[in-house]
């Protein structure tokens, strides 16, 4: 018979796992560090044709650090009036569909629910449009605003002579996987722009918009990264929480593990099972500065992370910082003024985090020198550890605070304990008394 206390412990553990899973689902539906982030899709009708219109479609990323990586975005919708796409520039429909009803001019796509993808940079010039053709890659707005959007044009027809046009419905965005939920495409004030050196204002005929927001829970059942910690004053290393991103399979001796049953996610077998680990090491404590070393490791056998970025929340970042070997900027964030910093790699140096090669994890690293605010700086109670870390927009699993490396002997600072000063004072008094007695 199984003891009652064992059953109770098992039930408690089950409830704890369920509670953690539930909180992961809820908390990852809203990002307090970027509350206004979204991707806005805009359809601008700027010309009419005999049976339809010409539209310019803009995908604008307003997320500060969440970007669209390889293999890029796919944008889909459904037509409501039997529309077809006669031609496109700057992008293409992935499926042409059944165009057998058209005898003389064959449309680019006859699909009732087309899916659109970006062209590559080396596409033929006649197929390109302005601000297109980046292979579907879109940068975070805080990293490179000039590459935070993508534009393509399409000629839509098969509407007859009827001048009434309707927006598409059921907009979907894959970037490149799931996670985005898009609002209904609705009419809004026509987009305006300037001409003749800003002296003349012009506007399009119609503008439709949809806003797409991201949920980590919709994209991933479990986190995709975790954080480990260490310090110069304690030999203990706090590892990533066990099973942060899943648990190892039954074959404990295997070097490669399939994560969550997905063949596309083969990672190096370890206790946390995360594709990416971020290690935070408190390296040195100076009089007016302190230094941290940050290492990002890729345990994925099948994926390189191109144009990665790292977001770190820490109150010490309110002070001046110097970063070696990474780009960095302070990120304005409501409620966390000055304590959120964004880091990303240098082009052609370390902006690509390589996959596992010969069972060796790929990694990039940097040192961060942080100026001290002596009114708040301390090494006690885990203050020197980050509050939150995001890798490429995904929040990483953090160790529990009671597992952080502690100061030696439970000391409240790295200064010598007070009793040493008392012993020194006692020694000096005794020496003074002995000297007087000798006299």
Protein backbone atom coordinates (compact mmCIF):
# COMPACT_ATOMS: atom_id res chain seq x y z
CA UNK A 1 0.00 0.00 0.00
CA UNK A 2 1.25 3.49 -0.86
CA UNK A 3 1.66 5.67 2.27
CA UNK A 4 -0.83 8.54 2.60
CA UNK A 5 1.89 11.12 3.04
CA UNK A 6 3.46 10.05 -0.27
CA UNK A 7 0.13 10.53 -2.05
CA UNK A 8 -0.24 13.94 -0.43
CA UNK A 9 3.23 15.03 -1.55
CA UNK A 10 2.50 13.80 -5.09
CA UNK A 11 -0.75 15.76 -5.22
CA UNK A 12 0.97 18.90 -3.94
CA UNK A 13 3.69 18.55 -6.59
CA UNK A 14 1.03 18.11 -9.28
CA UNK A 15 -0.79 21.22 -8.08
CA UNK A 16 2.46 23.20 -8.04
CA UNK A 17 3.28 22.17 -11.63
CA UNK A 18 -0.26 23.10 -12.70
CA UNK A 19 0.02 26.44 -10.91
CA UNK A 20 3.36 27.26 -12.56
CA UNK A 21 1.99 26.22 -15.96
CA UNK A 22 -1.14 28.34 -15.44
CA UNK A 23 0.89 31.39 -14.43
CA UNK A 24 3.18 30.91 -17.42
CA UNK A 25 0.13 30.97 -19.69
CA UNK A 26 -1.37 34.08 -18.06
CA UNK A 27 1.77 36.16 -17.61
CA UNK A 28 3.04 35.58 -21.13
CA UNK A 29 -0.12 37.05 -22.68
CA UNK A 30 1.00 40.55 -21.64
CA UNK A 31 4.46 42.08 -21.61
CA UNK A 32 4.81 44.85 -18.98
CA UNK A 33 8.21 45.85 -20.39
CA UNK A 34 6.69 46.66 -23.79
CA UNK A 35 2.97 47.25 -23.14
CA UNK A 36 2.34 49.21 -26.35
CA UNK A 37 4.09 46.79 -28.70
CA UNK A 38 2.24 45.40 -31.71
CA UNK A 39 2.56 44.72 -35.42
CA UNK A 40 0.21 46.86 -37.52
CA UNK A 41 -0.81 45.78 -41.02
CA UNK A 42 -2.04 48.66 -43.22
CA UNK A 43 -3.77 48.39 -46.60
CA UNK A 44 -3.60 51.69 -48.52
CA UNK A 45 -5.65 51.89 -51.76
CA UNK A 46 -3.85 54.50 -53.83
CA UNK A 47 -5.14 53.77 -57.32
CA UNK A 48 -8.29 52.39 -59.03
CA UNK A 49 -8.45 49.96 -61.95
CA UNK A 50 -11.34 48.95 -64.22
CA UNK A 51 -12.22 46.00 -62.01
CA UNK A 52 -10.56 46.74 -58.67
CA UNK A 53 -7.72 48.66 -57.09
CA UNK A 54 -4.01 48.87 -56.39
CA UNK A 55 -3.04 48.58 -52.71
CA UNK A 56 0.17 49.19 -50.82
CA UNK A 57 0.45 46.86 -47.81
CA UNK A 58 2.74 47.83 -44.90
CA UNK A 59 3.74 45.49 -42.09
CA UNK A 60 5.05 47.79 -39.33
CA UNK A 61 6.69 46.36 -36.20
CA UNK A 62 6.05 48.56 -33.14
CA UNK A 63 7.53 46.00 -30.74
CA UNK A 64 10.69 47.44 -29.23
CA UNK A 65 12.70 44.21 -29.18
CA UNK A 66 10.53 41.42 -30.59
CA UNK A 67 11.64 40.87 -34.19
CA UNK A 68 10.72 38.57 -37.06
CA UNK A 69 13.55 36.16 -37.78
CA UNK A 70 14.30 33.63 -40.52
CA UNK A 71 12.47 32.17 -42.42
CA UNK A 72 10.40 35.36 -42.17
CA UNK A 73 6.78 36.45 -42.06
CA UNK A 74 3.74 34.98 -43.78
CA UNK A 75 0.64 37.14 -44.04
CA UNK A 76 -2.75 35.63 -44.83
CA UNK A 77 -6.38 36.71 -45.14
CA UNK A 78 -9.67 35.74 -46.80
CA UNK A 79 -11.44 37.60 -49.61
CA UNK A 80 -15.19 38.23 -49.31
CA UNK A 81 -16.20 39.13 -52.92
CA UNK A 82 -14.30 36.64 -55.07
CA UNK A 83 -11.30 38.93 -55.53
CA UNK A 84 -8.13 37.78 -57.24
CA UNK A 85 -4.61 39.21 -57.16
CA UNK A 86 -3.67 40.16 -60.72
CA UNK A 87 -0.07 41.06 -59.92
CA UNK A 88 2.31 41.70 -57.02
CA UNK A 89 5.61 43.46 -56.45
CA UNK A 90 7.79 43.14 -53.37
CA UNK A 91 6.16 39.87 -52.28
CA UNK A 92 4.39 36.81 -53.70
CA UNK A 93 1.44 34.55 -53.00
CA UNK A 94 2.72 31.12 -51.99
CA UNK A 95 -0.08 29.32 -53.91
CA UNK A 96 -1.59 30.40 -57.24
CA UNK A 97 -4.79 28.39 -56.85
CA UNK A 98 -7.38 27.49 -59.50
CA UNK A 99 -7.37 30.18 -62.20
CA UNK A 100 -9.14 28.09 -64.86
CA UNK A 101 -11.96 30.64 -65.16
CA UNK A 102 -9.56 33.19 -66.65
CA UNK A 103 -8.76 32.62 -70.34
CA UNK A 104 -6.70 35.57 -71.50
CA UNK A 105 -4.99 37.11 -68.48
CA UNK A 106 -3.90 34.74 -65.74
CA UNK A 107 -3.95 36.22 -62.20
CA UNK A 108 -1.00 35.97 -59.86
CA UNK A 109 -3.28 34.25 -57.32
CA UNK A 110 -6.88 33.05 -57.43
CA UNK A 111 -6.89 31.69 -53.88
CA UNK A 112 -9.87 32.77 -51.74
CA UNK A 113 -7.48 32.80 -48.77
CA UNK A 114 -4.03 33.76 -50.10
CA UNK A 115 -0.85 33.55 -48.05
CA UNK A 116 1.80 36.16 -48.86
CA UNK A 117 5.56 35.90 -48.29
CA UNK A 118 8.42 38.34 -48.74
CA UNK A 119 10.88 38.16 -51.62
CA UNK A 120 14.59 37.62 -51.02
CA UNK A 121 17.09 40.50 -51.41
CA UNK A 122 18.42 38.97 -54.64
CA UNK A 123 14.99 38.92 -56.35
CA UNK A 124 14.68 40.28 -59.89
CA UNK A 125 14.49 44.11 -59.89
CA UNK A 126 11.22 44.08 -61.88
CA UNK A 127 9.57 42.13 -59.06
CA UNK A 128 10.71 44.47 -56.31
CA UNK A 129 9.03 47.46 -54.66
CA UNK A 130 10.39 50.06 -52.30
CA UNK A 131 11.21 48.80 -48.77
CA UNK A 132 10.65 45.15 -49.69
CA UNK A 133 12.58 41.99 -50.19
CA UNK A 134 14.39 41.23 -46.93
CA UNK A 135 13.54 37.56 -46.86
CA UNK A 136 10.74 38.25 -44.39
CA UNK A 137 13.06 39.60 -41.70
CA UNK A 138 11.82 42.61 -39.72
CA UNK A 139 13.85 44.27 -36.97
CA UNK A 140 12.66 45.36 -33.54
CA UNK A 141 11.76 49.05 -33.51
CA UNK A 142 14.36 49.97 -30.87
CA UNK A 143 17.18 48.14 -32.66
CA UNK A 144 16.84 49.34 -36.26
CA UNK A 145 13.78 51.49 -37.05
CA UNK A 146 14.77 51.67 -40.73
CA UNK A 147 14.28 47.89 -41.03
CA UNK A 148 11.30 47.54 -38.70
CA UNK A 149 8.77 47.39 -41.53
CA UNK A 150 8.15 45.72 -44.87
CA UNK A 151 6.06 46.96 -47.82
CA UNK A 152 4.62 45.26 -50.90
CA UNK A 153 2.09 46.23 -53.57
CA UNK A 154 -0.69 44.24 -55.23
CA UNK A 155 -3.27 44.81 -57.93
CA UNK A 156 -6.63 43.36 -56.85
CA UNK A 157 -9.44 42.71 -59.30
CA UNK A 158 -12.40 40.59 -60.44
CA UNK A 159 -14.83 43.06 -58.88
CA UNK A 160 -16.49 44.16 -62.10
CA UNK A 161 -17.46 47.80 -62.53
CA UNK A 162 -18.74 48.04 -58.97
CA UNK A 163 -16.72 50.70 -57.17
CA UNK A 164 -17.59 49.34 -53.72
CA UNK A 165 -14.61 47.53 -52.21
CA UNK A 166 -14.43 45.58 -48.99
CA UNK A 167 -11.50 44.83 -46.69
CA UNK A 168 -10.24 41.27 -46.38
CA UNK A 169 -11.18 39.28 -43.27
CA UNK A 170 -9.54 36.76 -40.93
CA UNK A 171 -6.06 38.27 -41.12
CA UNK A 172 -3.30 35.94 -39.90
CA UNK A 173 0.38 36.58 -39.25
CA UNK A 174 3.04 33.91 -38.87
CA UNK A 175 6.36 35.40 -37.84
CA UNK A 176 7.61 32.80 -38.62
CA UNK A 177 5.62 30.56 -36.25
CA UNK A 178 2.35 31.04 -34.35
CA UNK A 179 1.78 33.47 -31.50
CA UNK A 180 0.13 36.45 -33.17
CA UNK A 181 -3.58 37.25 -32.98
CA UNK A 182 -4.82 39.93 -35.39
CA UNK A 183 -7.83 42.20 -34.98
CA UNK A 184 -10.52 42.64 -37.59
CA UNK A 185 -9.41 44.64 -40.65
CA UNK A 186 -11.30 47.92 -40.42
CA UNK A 187 -11.44 51.23 -42.21
CA UNK A 188 -9.63 54.19 -40.70
CA UNK A 189 -8.61 57.71 -41.70
CA UNK A 190 -6.80 57.63 -45.06
CA UNK A 191 -3.02 57.67 -44.82
CA UNK A 192 -1.52 61.08 -45.60
CA UNK A 193 1.95 61.91 -46.87
CA UNK A 194 3.81 64.93 -48.16
CA UNK A 195 4.92 65.85 -51.66
CA UNK A 196 6.93 68.64 -53.33
CA UNK A 197 9.43 68.81 -50.51
CA UNK A 198 6.75 68.82 -47.83
CA UNK A 199 4.80 71.73 -49.31
CA UNK A 200 1.84 69.63 -50.52
CA UNK A 201 -0.19 67.06 -48.56
CA UNK A 202 -1.67 64.07 -50.39
CA UNK A 203 -3.68 61.09 -49.18
CA UNK A 204 -4.74 57.68 -50.42
CA UNK A 205 -8.35 56.83 -51.30
CA UNK A 206 -8.95 54.26 -48.58
CA UNK A 207 -7.02 52.82 -45.63
CA UNK A 208 -7.73 49.57 -43.76
CA UNK A 209 -5.81 48.47 -40.68
CA UNK A 210 -5.38 45.48 -38.42
CA UNK A 211 -3.32 45.21 -35.21
CA UNK A 212 -1.55 41.95 -34.36
CA UNK A 213 -0.38 41.22 -30.81
CA UNK A 214 1.87 38.43 -29.57
CA UNK A 215 1.34 35.83 -26.86
CA UNK A 216 4.23 33.58 -25.78
CA UNK A 217 1.71 31.04 -24.59
CA UNK A 218 0.18 30.69 -28.05
CA UNK A 219 3.66 30.30 -29.55
CA UNK A 220 5.28 27.98 -27.00
CA UNK A 221 3.90 25.51 -24.49
CA UNK A 222 6.99 26.00 -22.32
CA UNK A 223 9.72 28.68 -22.09
CA UNK A 224 12.49 28.61 -24.68
CA UNK A 225 15.33 29.99 -22.54
CA UNK A 226 16.54 30.02 -18.95
CA UNK A 227 18.96 31.88 -16.70
CA UNK A 228 21.84 30.63 -14.54
CA UNK A 229 23.82 32.73 -12.03
CA UNK A 230 27.26 32.93 -10.40
CA UNK A 231 29.41 35.47 -8.52
CA UNK A 232 33.02 36.15 -7.67
CA UNK A 233 32.31 35.89 -3.94
CA UNK A 234 30.76 32.42 -3.96
CA UNK A 235 31.95 29.26 -5.69
CA UNK A 236 28.36 28.03 -5.96
CA UNK A 237 26.76 28.27 -9.41
CA UNK A 238 22.99 28.55 -9.49
CA UNK A 239 21.90 26.51 -12.53
CA UNK A 240 18.79 26.96 -14.61
CA UNK A 241 15.77 25.53 -12.80
CA UNK A 242 15.40 21.85 -13.56
CA UNK A 243 12.98 21.14 -16.42
CA UNK A 244 12.75 24.89 -17.18
CA UNK A 245 11.82 24.13 -20.79
CA UNK A 246 10.76 20.50 -20.44
CA UNK A 247 12.33 17.34 -19.03
CA UNK A 248 14.74 14.82 -20.46
CA UNK A 249 13.32 11.72 -22.08
CA UNK A 250 13.74 8.16 -20.83
CA UNK A 251 17.12 7.71 -22.54
CA UNK A 252 19.35 9.40 -19.98
CA UNK A 253 22.57 8.58 -21.89
CA UNK A 254 21.57 10.30 -25.14
CA UNK A 255 23.45 13.47 -26.11
CA UNK A 256 20.57 14.78 -28.21
CA UNK A 257 17.00 15.24 -27.00
CA UNK A 258 13.83 16.08 -28.94
CA UNK A 259 12.08 18.92 -27.10
CA UNK A 260 8.30 18.66 -26.71
CA UNK A 261 8.17 15.93 -29.34
CA UNK A 262 9.14 18.33 -32.15
CA UNK A 263 11.76 17.08 -34.63
CA UNK A 264 12.57 20.72 -35.39
CA UNK A 265 13.68 21.27 -31.78
CA UNK A 266 16.60 18.93 -31.13
CA UNK A 267 18.65 20.23 -28.21
CA UNK A 268 21.60 19.06 -26.20
CA UNK A 269 20.33 16.87 -23.36
CA UNK A 270 20.61 18.64 -20.01
CA UNK A 271 18.61 19.23 -16.85
CA UNK A 272 16.85 22.35 -18.12
CA UNK A 273 16.19 21.28 -21.75
CA UNK A 274 16.20 24.87 -23.00
CA UNK A 275 17.43 25.75 -26.49
CA UNK A 276 19.09 28.88 -25.03
CA UNK A 277 20.72 29.60 -21.67
CA UNK A 278 21.78 33.05 -20.43
CA UNK A 279 24.46 33.04 -17.72
CA UNK A 280 24.85 36.11 -15.51
CA UNK A 281 28.16 36.29 -13.60
CA UNK A 282 28.91 39.08 -11.10
CA UNK A 283 32.58 39.37 -11.98
CA UNK A 284 34.20 42.20 -10.02
CA UNK A 285 33.37 44.86 -7.43
CA UNK A 286 35.26 48.15 -7.69
CA UNK A 287 35.03 51.30 -5.56
CA UNK A 288 32.68 53.15 -7.92
CA UNK A 289 31.81 50.46 -10.53
CA UNK A 290 30.89 46.79 -10.70
CA UNK A 291 31.32 44.37 -13.59
CA UNK A 292 29.07 41.63 -14.95
CA UNK A 293 29.84 39.00 -17.57
CA UNK A 294 26.89 37.78 -19.65
CA UNK A 295 27.14 34.62 -21.77
CA UNK A 296 24.43 33.38 -24.13
CA UNK A 297 24.66 29.70 -25.11
CA UNK A 298 22.76 27.94 -27.90
CA UNK A 299 22.03 24.25 -27.15
CA UNK A 300 20.04 23.77 -30.36
CA UNK A 301 21.43 21.27 -32.88
CA UNK A 302 19.31 22.48 -35.79
CA UNK A 303 18.95 26.25 -35.45
CA UNK A 304 21.16 29.32 -35.51
CA UNK A 305 19.70 32.49 -33.98
CA UNK A 306 20.25 35.37 -36.41
CA UNK A 307 19.91 38.98 -35.26
CA UNK A 308 19.23 37.85 -31.67
CA UNK A 309 18.69 40.35 -28.88
CA UNK A 310 18.77 40.25 -25.10
CA UNK A 311 16.60 42.36 -22.79
CA UNK A 312 17.66 42.65 -19.14
CA UNK A 313 15.82 44.38 -16.31
CA UNK A 314 18.05 45.48 -13.43
CA UNK A 315 17.88 48.61 -11.22
CA UNK A 316 21.63 49.12 -11.64
CA UNK A 317 21.09 50.04 -15.29
CA UNK A 318 19.74 53.41 -14.19
CA UNK A 319 23.43 54.36 -13.94
CA UNK A 320 25.91 54.73 -16.79
CA UNK A 321 27.03 51.45 -18.32
CA UNK A 322 29.84 50.46 -20.67
CA UNK A 323 29.35 47.36 -22.83
CA UNK A 324 32.06 45.45 -24.67
CA UNK A 325 31.38 43.45 -27.86
CA UNK A 326 27.57 44.01 -27.97
CA UNK A 327 25.40 46.89 -29.12
CA UNK A 328 23.21 48.29 -26.35
CA UNK A 329 20.60 50.91 -25.55
CA UNK A 330 18.41 51.89 -22.65
CA UNK A 331 14.79 50.98 -23.31
CA UNK A 332 12.01 53.33 -22.16
CA UNK A 333 9.44 51.22 -20.35
CA UNK A 334 6.44 52.29 -18.28
CA UNK A 335 7.00 51.69 -14.59
CA UNK A 336 10.64 50.62 -15.00
CA UNK A 337 12.29 53.92 -15.89
CA UNK A 338 15.96 53.47 -16.73
CA UNK A 339 16.35 49.91 -15.50
CA UNK A 340 15.67 48.05 -18.76
CA UNK A 341 18.60 47.61 -21.17
CA UNK A 342 18.57 46.04 -24.62
CA UNK A 343 21.61 44.26 -26.09
CA UNK A 344 22.25 42.80 -29.54
CA UNK A 345 25.19 41.56 -31.59
CA UNK A 346 27.56 43.41 -33.88
CA UNK A 347 27.01 42.81 -37.63
CA UNK A 348 29.37 40.17 -39.08
CA UNK A 349 30.91 39.65 -35.63
CA UNK A 350 28.45 38.04 -33.21
CA UNK A 351 24.94 38.85 -34.42
CA UNK A 352 24.44 35.15 -35.18
CA UNK A 353 24.31 32.69 -32.29
CA UNK A 354 25.50 29.40 -33.78
CA UNK A 355 24.00 25.98 -33.16
CA UNK A 356 25.74 23.09 -31.40
CA UNK A 357 28.77 21.90 -33.40
CA UNK A 358 30.60 18.71 -32.36
CA UNK A 359 28.55 18.68 -29.15
CA UNK A 360 29.90 22.14 -28.27
CA UNK A 361 27.22 24.77 -27.67
CA UNK A 362 27.53 27.98 -29.64
CA UNK A 363 27.92 31.09 -27.49
CA UNK A 364 28.45 34.85 -27.45
CA UNK A 365 29.59 36.86 -24.44
CA UNK A 366 30.15 40.40 -23.19
CA UNK A 367 31.30 42.33 -20.12
CA UNK A 368 29.07 45.09 -18.73
CA UNK A 369 30.69 47.74 -16.52
CA UNK A 370 28.05 49.46 -14.40
CA UNK A 371 28.52 52.70 -12.47
CA UNK A 372 27.55 52.48 -8.79
CA UNK A 373 24.77 54.38 -7.10
CA UNK A 374 26.12 54.05 -3.56
CA UNK A 375 22.71 54.80 -2.09
CA UNK A 376 21.25 51.56 -3.44
CA UNK A 377 24.17 49.31 -4.45
CA UNK A 378 24.53 46.13 -2.43
CA UNK A 379 25.48 42.53 -2.93
CA UNK A 380 22.97 41.29 -0.37
CA UNK A 381 19.62 39.59 -0.90
CA UNK A 382 20.23 38.96 -4.60
CA UNK A 383 20.20 42.67 -5.54
CA UNK A 384 23.05 42.12 -8.04
CA UNK A 385 21.00 39.54 -9.95
CA UNK A 386 18.71 40.45 -12.88
CA UNK A 387 14.98 40.79 -12.31
CA UNK A 388 13.95 39.55 -15.76
CA UNK A 389 15.75 38.45 -18.92
CA UNK A 390 14.25 38.06 -22.38
CA UNK A 391 15.98 36.39 -25.32
CA UNK A 392 14.70 37.52 -28.75
CA UNK A 393 11.45 38.60 -27.14
CA UNK A 394 10.85 35.41 -25.12
CA UNK A 395 10.96 35.62 -21.32
CA UNK A 396 13.54 33.27 -19.79
CA UNK A 397 12.88 31.04 -16.78
CA UNK A 398 14.66 32.50 -13.71
CA UNK A 399 15.98 30.58 -10.68
CA UNK A 400 14.13 31.11 -7.40
CA UNK A 401 15.64 33.89 -5.22
CA UNK A 402 16.46 31.51 -2.36
CA UNK A 403 18.85 29.63 -4.70
CA UNK A 404 20.93 32.72 -5.58
CA UNK A 405 24.64 32.63 -4.61
CA UNK A 406 24.92 34.12 -1.10
CA UNK A 407 27.66 36.24 0.43
CA UNK A 408 30.24 34.26 2.45
CA UNK A 409 29.28 33.41 6.04
CA UNK A 410 25.92 35.10 5.59
CA UNK A 411 27.65 38.48 5.70
CA UNK A 412 25.57 41.48 4.67
CA UNK A 413 28.40 42.92 2.59
CA UNK A 414 31.78 42.00 1.21
CA UNK A 415 33.52 44.21 3.77
CA UNK A 416 35.34 42.50 6.67
CA UNK A 417 32.92 41.49 9.48
CA UNK A 418 32.61 43.90 12.41
CA UNK A 419 34.14 41.45 14.87
CA UNK A 420 37.44 41.74 13.00
CA UNK A 421 37.49 45.46 13.73
CA UNK A 422 36.72 44.72 17.39
CA UNK A 423 39.56 42.20 17.54
CA UNK A 424 41.90 44.72 15.94
CA UNK A 425 40.83 47.41 18.39
CA UNK A 426 41.31 45.00 21.33
CA UNK A 427 44.76 44.07 19.98
CA UNK A 428 45.81 47.73 19.76
CA UNK A 429 44.58 48.43 23.31
CA UNK A 430 46.49 45.44 24.67
CA UNK A 431 49.62 46.47 22.78
CA UNK A 432 49.36 50.00 24.17
CA UNK A 433 48.97 48.71 27.74
CA UNK A 434 51.92 46.34 27.41
CA UNK A 435 54.07 49.13 26.03
CA UNK A 436 53.23 51.34 29.00
CA UNK A 437 53.97 48.53 31.47
CA UNK A 438 57.37 48.01 29.87
CA UNK A 439 58.09 51.68 30.35
